[in-house]
Protein backbone atom coordinates (compact mmCIF):
# COMPACT_ATOMS: atom_id res chain seq x y z
CA MET A 1 68.94 165.34 132.71
CA VAL A 2 65.62 163.54 133.17
CA GLN A 3 65.08 163.71 129.42
CA SER A 4 68.54 162.25 128.82
CA GLN A 5 67.88 159.33 131.16
CA PHE A 6 64.54 158.73 129.47
CA SER A 7 66.17 158.69 126.02
CA THR A 8 68.83 156.28 127.24
CA GLY A 9 66.16 153.95 128.62
CA ILE A 10 64.23 154.01 125.32
CA HIS A 11 67.46 153.28 123.40
CA ASP A 12 68.36 150.34 125.68
CA PHE A 13 64.85 148.94 125.37
CA PHE A 14 64.85 148.95 121.56
CA ARG A 15 68.39 147.53 121.48
CA TRP A 16 67.31 144.67 123.74
CA TRP A 17 64.14 144.05 121.78
CA GLY A 18 66.08 144.09 118.50
CA GLY A 19 68.50 141.52 119.89
CA GLU A 20 65.63 139.24 120.87
CA LEU A 21 64.09 139.49 117.40
CA ARG A 22 67.47 138.91 115.78
CA ASP A 23 67.87 135.67 117.76
CA LEU A 24 64.70 134.35 116.15
CA LEU A 25 66.13 134.65 112.63
CA PRO A 26 68.07 131.74 111.04
CA ARG A 27 71.81 132.07 111.33
CA GLN A 28 72.36 132.00 107.55
CA THR A 29 69.90 134.87 107.11
CA LEU A 30 71.80 136.98 109.63
CA LEU A 31 75.13 136.29 107.94
CA ALA A 32 73.71 137.18 104.53
CA ARG A 33 72.34 140.43 105.96
CA GLN A 34 75.68 141.29 107.55
CA ASP A 35 77.38 141.05 104.16
CA HIS A 36 75.54 144.22 103.15
CA ALA A 37 75.63 146.00 106.52
CA ARG A 38 78.16 148.57 107.62
CA ARG A 39 80.62 147.13 110.11
CA LEU A 40 84.13 147.52 111.42
CA VAL A 41 86.61 144.67 111.13
CA VAL A 42 89.87 144.21 113.03
CA SER A 43 92.04 142.08 110.77
CA ALA A 44 94.58 139.96 112.64
CA ASP A 45 96.25 138.52 109.55
CA GLY A 46 99.96 138.82 110.17
CA ALA A 47 102.07 140.63 112.71
CA ARG A 48 100.19 143.96 112.56
CA LEU A 49 96.51 144.67 113.14
CA LYS A 50 94.33 146.58 110.70
CA LEU A 51 90.98 148.32 111.20
CA MET A 52 88.70 148.23 108.14
CA LEU A 53 85.23 149.49 107.32
CA GLU A 54 83.11 147.07 105.29
CA ARG A 55 79.84 147.65 103.49
CA GLY A 56 78.23 145.89 100.58
CA GLY A 57 81.24 143.72 99.88
CA GLN A 58 83.59 146.70 99.75
CA SER A 59 86.29 147.38 102.35
CA GLU A 60 88.30 150.44 103.32
CA ILE A 61 91.35 150.44 105.61
CA LEU A 62 90.79 153.06 108.32
CA ALA A 63 93.91 152.49 110.39
CA GLU A 64 96.88 150.17 110.77
CA ALA A 65 98.46 149.61 114.16
CA ALA A 66 102.07 150.68 114.38
CA GLU A 67 102.77 148.05 117.02
CA PRO A 68 101.60 144.43 117.28
CA GLY A 69 99.76 142.86 120.19
CA GLU A 70 97.93 144.74 122.95
CA ALA A 71 99.44 148.13 122.11
CA GLY A 72 98.17 147.89 118.53
CA LEU A 73 94.72 146.84 119.73
CA ILE A 74 94.50 149.90 121.99
CA GLU A 75 95.43 152.14 119.05
CA LEU A 76 92.72 150.67 116.79
CA ALA A 77 90.13 150.78 119.59
CA GLY A 78 90.60 154.55 119.79
CA VAL A 79 89.73 154.87 116.09
CA ALA A 80 86.76 152.48 116.41
CA ARG A 81 85.21 154.53 119.26
CA ARG A 82 84.73 157.44 116.87
CA ARG A 83 82.23 155.32 114.96
CA ARG A 84 79.89 154.38 117.76
CA GLY A 85 76.93 152.32 116.75
CA THR A 86 78.86 150.41 114.08
CA PRO A 87 79.40 146.77 115.09
CA LEU A 88 83.01 145.65 115.30
CA GLY A 89 84.29 142.13 114.72
CA LEU A 90 87.50 140.17 114.39
CA ARG A 91 88.89 138.49 111.30
CA LEU A 92 91.69 135.95 111.39
CA GLY A 93 94.01 134.94 108.59
CA SER A 94 93.43 131.72 106.72
CA GLN A 95 96.61 130.30 108.27
CA ASN A 96 94.89 130.43 111.68
CA CYS A 97 91.71 128.71 110.48
CA PHE A 98 91.75 124.96 109.92
CA ALA A 99 89.19 124.06 107.22
CA ARG A 100 87.82 120.78 105.92
CA ASN A 101 84.88 119.65 103.77
CA VAL A 102 82.47 117.03 105.11
CA GLU A 103 79.41 115.40 103.53
CA LEU A 104 76.48 115.14 105.93
CA PRO A 105 72.86 113.93 105.60
CA ALA A 106 70.56 116.75 104.49
CA GLN A 107 67.86 115.69 106.97
CA ALA A 108 70.23 116.35 109.89
CA GLU A 109 70.96 119.96 108.96
CA ALA A 110 69.78 121.21 112.34
CA ASP A 111 72.46 119.06 114.02
CA PHE A 112 75.36 119.81 111.66
CA GLY A 113 77.29 121.69 114.33
CA ARG A 114 77.10 118.90 116.89
CA MET A 115 77.88 116.21 114.29
CA LEU A 116 80.91 118.11 113.01
CA ASP A 117 82.27 118.65 116.52
CA LEU A 118 81.91 114.94 117.33
CA ASP A 119 83.61 113.96 114.08
CA MET A 120 86.37 116.50 114.77
CA GLU A 121 87.10 114.87 118.15
CA ARG A 122 87.33 111.49 116.40
CA THR A 123 89.33 112.32 113.25
CA THR A 124 91.51 115.34 114.16
CA PRO A 125 93.87 116.22 117.02
CA PHE A 126 91.60 119.12 118.05
CA ARG A 127 89.51 118.96 121.22
CA THR A 128 86.28 120.90 121.71
CA ALA A 129 87.54 122.56 124.89
CA ASP A 130 90.54 124.02 123.03
CA VAL A 131 88.89 125.39 119.89
CA LEU A 132 85.96 127.36 118.51
CA THR A 133 84.15 125.99 115.47
CA ALA A 134 81.75 127.19 112.79
CA HIS A 135 80.39 125.85 109.51
CA TYR A 136 78.44 126.74 106.39
CA VAL A 137 76.93 124.78 103.52
CA LEU A 138 78.86 124.93 100.26
CA PRO A 139 76.88 125.46 97.07
CA GLY A 140 77.35 123.00 94.26
CA ASN A 141 76.73 119.40 93.41
CA ALA A 142 76.45 116.88 96.22
CA PRO A 143 75.17 113.31 96.34
CA ARG A 144 71.42 112.98 96.63
CA GLY A 145 70.26 113.53 100.19
CA LYS A 146 73.63 114.99 101.22
CA ARG A 147 75.03 118.45 101.96
CA LEU A 148 78.65 119.48 101.42
CA VAL A 149 79.61 121.39 104.55
CA ARG A 150 82.69 123.54 105.16
CA HIS A 151 83.88 123.07 108.76
CA LEU A 152 86.17 125.74 110.21
CA VAL A 153 88.19 125.45 113.43
CA VAL A 154 90.22 128.13 115.24
CA LYS A 155 92.20 127.68 118.42
CA ARG A 156 90.95 129.52 121.47
CA LYS A 157 94.46 130.67 122.35
CA THR A 158 94.51 132.54 119.03
CA LEU A 159 91.12 134.22 119.25
CA ASP A 160 90.48 134.63 123.00
CA PRO A 161 93.31 137.17 123.64
CA LEU A 162 91.85 139.47 120.96
CA VAL A 163 88.29 139.09 122.29
CA ASP A 164 89.37 139.69 125.89
CA GLY A 165 91.51 142.64 124.83
CA LEU A 166 88.57 144.37 123.13
CA ARG A 167 86.30 143.70 126.10
CA THR A 168 88.90 145.20 128.42
CA LEU A 169 88.82 148.32 126.24
CA GLY A 170 85.03 148.48 126.53
CA ILE A 171 84.23 147.05 123.08
CA GLU A 172 82.13 143.91 122.77
CA PRO A 173 83.05 142.00 119.58
CA ALA A 174 79.98 141.40 117.44
CA PHE A 175 81.44 138.52 115.42
CA ALA A 176 84.62 136.65 114.55
CA ASP A 177 85.35 135.06 111.18
CA CYS A 178 88.19 134.21 108.77
CA TRP A 179 89.42 135.73 105.55
CA SER A 180 88.23 133.97 102.43
CA GLU A 181 90.82 132.39 100.14
CA ASP A 182 90.60 135.27 97.64
CA ARG A 183 90.80 137.82 100.54
CA ARG A 184 87.82 139.74 99.20
CA GLY A 185 85.96 139.40 102.47
CA GLY A 186 85.16 137.16 105.36
CA LEU A 187 83.69 133.68 105.25
CA PRO A 188 79.99 133.40 106.21
CA VAL A 189 80.70 132.11 109.74
CA ASP A 190 80.86 133.47 113.28
CA PHE A 191 83.07 131.70 115.82
CA LEU A 192 81.48 133.67 118.65
CA ALA A 193 77.92 132.62 117.76
CA ALA A 194 78.08 129.20 119.42
CA ARG A 195 79.27 130.66 122.71
CA GLN A 196 76.78 133.53 122.66
CA ASP A 197 73.86 131.34 121.64
CA GLY A 198 74.78 128.85 124.35
CA SER A 199 74.77 131.50 127.07
CA ARG A 200 71.44 132.98 125.91
CA ARG A 201 69.75 129.63 125.67
CA GLY A 202 71.12 128.73 129.08
CA ALA A 203 69.53 131.82 130.63
CA ARG A 204 66.17 131.15 128.95
CA LEU A 205 66.08 127.45 129.67
CA ALA A 206 67.22 127.68 133.28
CA PRO A 207 63.68 127.36 134.75
CA VAL A 208 62.88 124.42 132.48
CA LEU A 209 66.12 122.68 133.29
CA ALA A 210 65.51 123.15 136.98
CA GLY A 211 62.12 121.45 136.61
CA LEU A 212 63.66 118.49 134.78
CA ALA A 213 66.61 118.10 137.15
CA VAL A 214 64.85 115.67 139.50
CA ALA A 215 63.59 113.44 136.69
CA LEU A 216 66.99 113.44 135.03
CA ALA A 217 68.73 112.64 138.29
CA VAL A 218 66.51 109.60 138.87
CA SER A 219 66.88 108.39 135.30
CA ALA A 220 70.62 108.98 135.47
CA VAL A 221 70.92 106.78 138.54
CA VAL A 222 68.91 104.01 136.85
CA MET A 223 70.89 104.30 133.63
CA LEU A 224 74.17 104.35 135.52
CA PHE A 225 73.26 101.20 137.42
CA THR A 226 72.11 99.46 134.22
CA ARG A 227 75.24 100.46 132.35
CA HIS A 228 77.37 99.36 135.26
CA GLN A 229 75.77 95.94 135.26
CA SER A 230 76.07 95.62 131.48
CA ALA A 231 79.69 96.74 131.56
CA LEU A 232 80.45 94.31 134.39
CA ALA A 233 78.86 91.42 132.46
CA ALA A 234 80.78 92.34 129.31
CA LEU A 235 84.00 92.62 131.30
CA ASN A 236 83.46 89.19 132.86
CA ALA A 237 82.83 87.67 129.42
CA ARG A 238 85.99 89.27 128.03
CA ALA A 239 88.01 88.16 131.05
CA SER A 240 86.77 84.56 130.63
CA ALA A 241 87.64 84.60 126.93
CA ALA A 242 91.05 86.11 127.72
CA ARG A 243 91.73 83.40 130.32
CA SER A 244 90.82 80.66 127.81
CA GLU A 245 93.02 82.23 125.18
CA ALA A 246 95.89 82.62 127.67
CA ALA A 247 95.57 78.93 128.66
CA SER A 248 95.72 77.89 124.99
CA VAL A 249 98.75 80.07 124.41
CA ARG A 250 100.45 78.69 127.53
CA ILE A 251 99.86 75.08 126.39
CA ALA A 252 101.22 75.90 122.93
CA VAL A 253 104.29 77.59 124.44
CA GLU A 254 104.96 74.64 126.73
CA ALA A 255 104.64 72.20 123.81
CA SER A 256 106.98 74.35 121.74
CA GLN A 257 109.52 74.50 124.56
CA THR A 258 109.37 70.71 125.01
CA ALA A 259 109.86 70.08 121.29
CA SER A 260 112.72 72.57 121.21
CA ALA A 261 114.41 70.83 124.15
CA GLN A 262 114.02 67.44 122.47
CA ILE A 263 115.45 68.74 119.21
CA GLY A 264 118.36 70.31 121.07
CA ALA A 265 119.08 67.06 122.93
CA MET A 266 118.97 65.10 119.68
CA GLN A 267 121.32 67.55 118.00
CA ASN A 268 123.76 67.35 120.90
CA LEU A 269 123.63 63.56 120.76
CA LEU A 270 124.27 63.54 117.03
CA ARG A 271 127.14 66.01 117.35
CA GLN A 272 128.82 63.71 119.87
CA ARG A 273 128.80 60.72 117.47
CA VAL A 274 131.37 59.98 114.77
CA PRO A 275 130.00 59.93 111.21
CA LEU A 276 129.86 56.56 109.40
CA ALA A 277 131.97 57.89 106.53
CA ARG A 278 134.68 58.90 109.00
CA ILE A 279 134.77 55.34 110.47
CA ILE A 280 134.96 53.71 107.04
CA GLU A 281 137.67 56.16 105.97
CA GLU A 282 139.70 55.34 109.10
CA LEU A 283 139.34 51.56 108.61
CA THR A 284 140.38 51.89 104.98
CA ALA A 285 143.51 53.78 106.03
CA ILE A 286 144.43 51.31 108.82
CA LEU A 287 143.81 47.90 107.22
CA PRO A 288 146.46 46.60 104.86
CA ASP A 289 145.68 45.88 101.23
CA SER A 290 145.55 42.16 101.96
CA ALA A 291 142.65 42.58 104.43
CA TRP A 292 139.07 43.60 103.88
CA VAL A 293 135.84 43.99 105.81
CA SER A 294 132.81 41.88 105.00
CA ASP A 295 130.40 43.17 107.67
CA LEU A 296 130.36 46.42 109.68
CA ARG A 297 127.93 47.34 112.47
CA ILE A 298 127.83 50.44 114.66
CA ASP A 299 125.81 50.37 117.87
CA GLY A 300 126.10 53.64 119.80
CA GLY A 301 129.79 54.02 120.65
CA THR A 302 130.71 50.41 119.75
CA VAL A 303 131.98 49.26 116.35
CA GLU A 304 131.98 45.59 115.34
CA PHE A 305 133.17 44.25 112.02
CA THR A 306 134.04 40.92 110.41
CA GLY A 307 136.65 40.44 107.73
CA PHE A 308 139.48 38.45 106.22
CA ALA A 309 143.22 38.99 106.60
CA LYS A 310 146.54 37.19 106.30
CA SER A 311 147.10 37.72 110.03
CA ALA A 312 144.11 38.74 112.14
CA ALA A 313 146.19 39.16 115.33
CA ALA A 314 148.35 41.81 113.61
CA LEU A 315 145.33 44.02 113.03
CA VAL A 316 144.53 44.63 116.72
CA PRO A 317 147.65 46.79 117.41
CA LEU A 318 146.93 48.80 114.27
CA LEU A 319 143.39 49.53 115.44
CA GLU A 320 144.58 50.43 118.94
CA ALA A 321 147.02 52.95 117.48
CA SER A 322 144.21 54.85 115.76
CA PRO A 323 143.02 58.02 117.58
CA LEU A 324 139.48 57.12 116.50
CA PHE A 325 139.30 53.67 118.11
CA ALA A 326 139.97 52.27 121.56
CA GLU A 327 139.86 48.88 123.34
CA ALA A 328 140.09 46.86 120.13
CA ALA A 329 139.86 43.07 120.67
CA LEU A 330 139.01 39.87 118.78
CA THR A 331 135.55 38.61 119.74
CA SER A 332 135.70 35.09 118.33
CA PRO A 333 138.31 32.47 117.51
CA VAL A 334 140.22 33.10 114.33
CA MET A 335 139.34 30.50 111.67
CA PHE A 336 141.15 29.83 108.44
CA ASP A 337 138.95 30.07 105.37
CA THR A 338 140.22 27.70 102.71
CA ILE A 339 138.17 29.39 99.97
CA GLU A 340 139.57 32.87 100.64
CA ASP A 341 142.96 31.45 101.76
CA LYS A 342 142.81 33.94 104.67
CA GLU A 343 141.89 34.06 108.35
CA ARG A 344 138.34 34.97 109.16
CA PHE A 345 138.07 37.18 112.24
CA SER A 346 135.66 39.41 114.22
CA VAL A 347 136.75 42.59 116.06
CA ARG A 348 134.94 44.79 118.56
CA MET A 349 136.18 48.26 119.59
CA LYS A 350 134.92 51.51 120.99
CA LEU A 351 134.85 54.94 119.40
CA SER A 352 137.08 57.55 120.98
CA GLN A 353 135.11 60.56 122.39
CA GLY A 354 137.92 62.97 121.61
CA ASP A 355 137.56 62.81 117.84
CA ASN A 356 136.26 66.02 116.26
CA ALA A 357 135.93 64.90 112.64
CA ALA A 358 132.17 65.32 112.27
CA THR A 359 131.58 67.09 109.01
CA ALA A 360 130.24 64.10 107.02
CA PRO A 361 126.64 62.70 107.32
CA LEU A 362 126.02 61.14 110.73
CA ALA A 363 125.90 57.37 111.21
CA ARG A 364 122.64 55.74 112.34
CA ASP A 365 122.45 53.02 114.96
CA GLY A 366 122.42 49.65 113.32
CA ASP A 367 124.01 50.77 110.01
CA ALA A 368 125.71 47.77 108.42
CA LEU A 369 128.17 47.39 105.62
């Protein structure tokens, strides 16, 4: 029993030390090495789960769950336990992995992950808290100084139940990736790497972060105060500009309303007046053929005209009988014109407000005929 405990301790030590050395290797190197290593893969592409053995780019289906969901995962976990020591990972179907290509500066390769996540928040509906992301550099031509990067996104609600299910069964997933488009293998990514690397770095950097906490707190207070003052100044400037703009708009609206009211009043006034053509037409119909008009003037609602007729007094009753005119009367003594052999007369009358004949052009004050 003592020997067994000693062997277990030696095994745990080398496994820990191997993990520490593996963390020092570049991520792309690890992924390239895994392509040729023996590993188990739980494929979650479709309703049923499959357990496959991969090595050197070749895959072999070991088992297929008869039932979907948690029951199928338990069934595959039983098969996977028979191959202890072989890492096991998860592989999602391409329909569960959102992919896009992005060109990034080659000099910023160390920050590709952070840059892609920030751009994802800005250009896609995904949020960092709801997804897991990974990326790899695509081979091929790219503009000088650029890298063409494939960015992959998977929803946590798709991957987390599978990860948690395996952990509940005592199996720690070693990786999580997506099927390639040709379904010959997985893409060179690991959605679990960011979370695992973050937790390991957090444990290692905890003492350093604790030492910097005080300095960061002080600088944060100073920066917060400075930003607050800058934001307040910018807000005041915007508010002043908005007030000036609002005042200009208000003046323009008031001027527009005044002009509109004036136009409406003018239109109402014009609609209430009788057109000049209507007045001339009515006079032509009333006056006999032996009479004519030599001068016509319209001033508001008053019509005055001068003319010649055989009998000027006989015209007044005719004008009074018209529905267009009212209060017709001679305004000057009737004089006999020997040249025209007729009586010269002047008549003043008022326009009736009840007339609705207003389809012709409107008369203007002071129009004369």
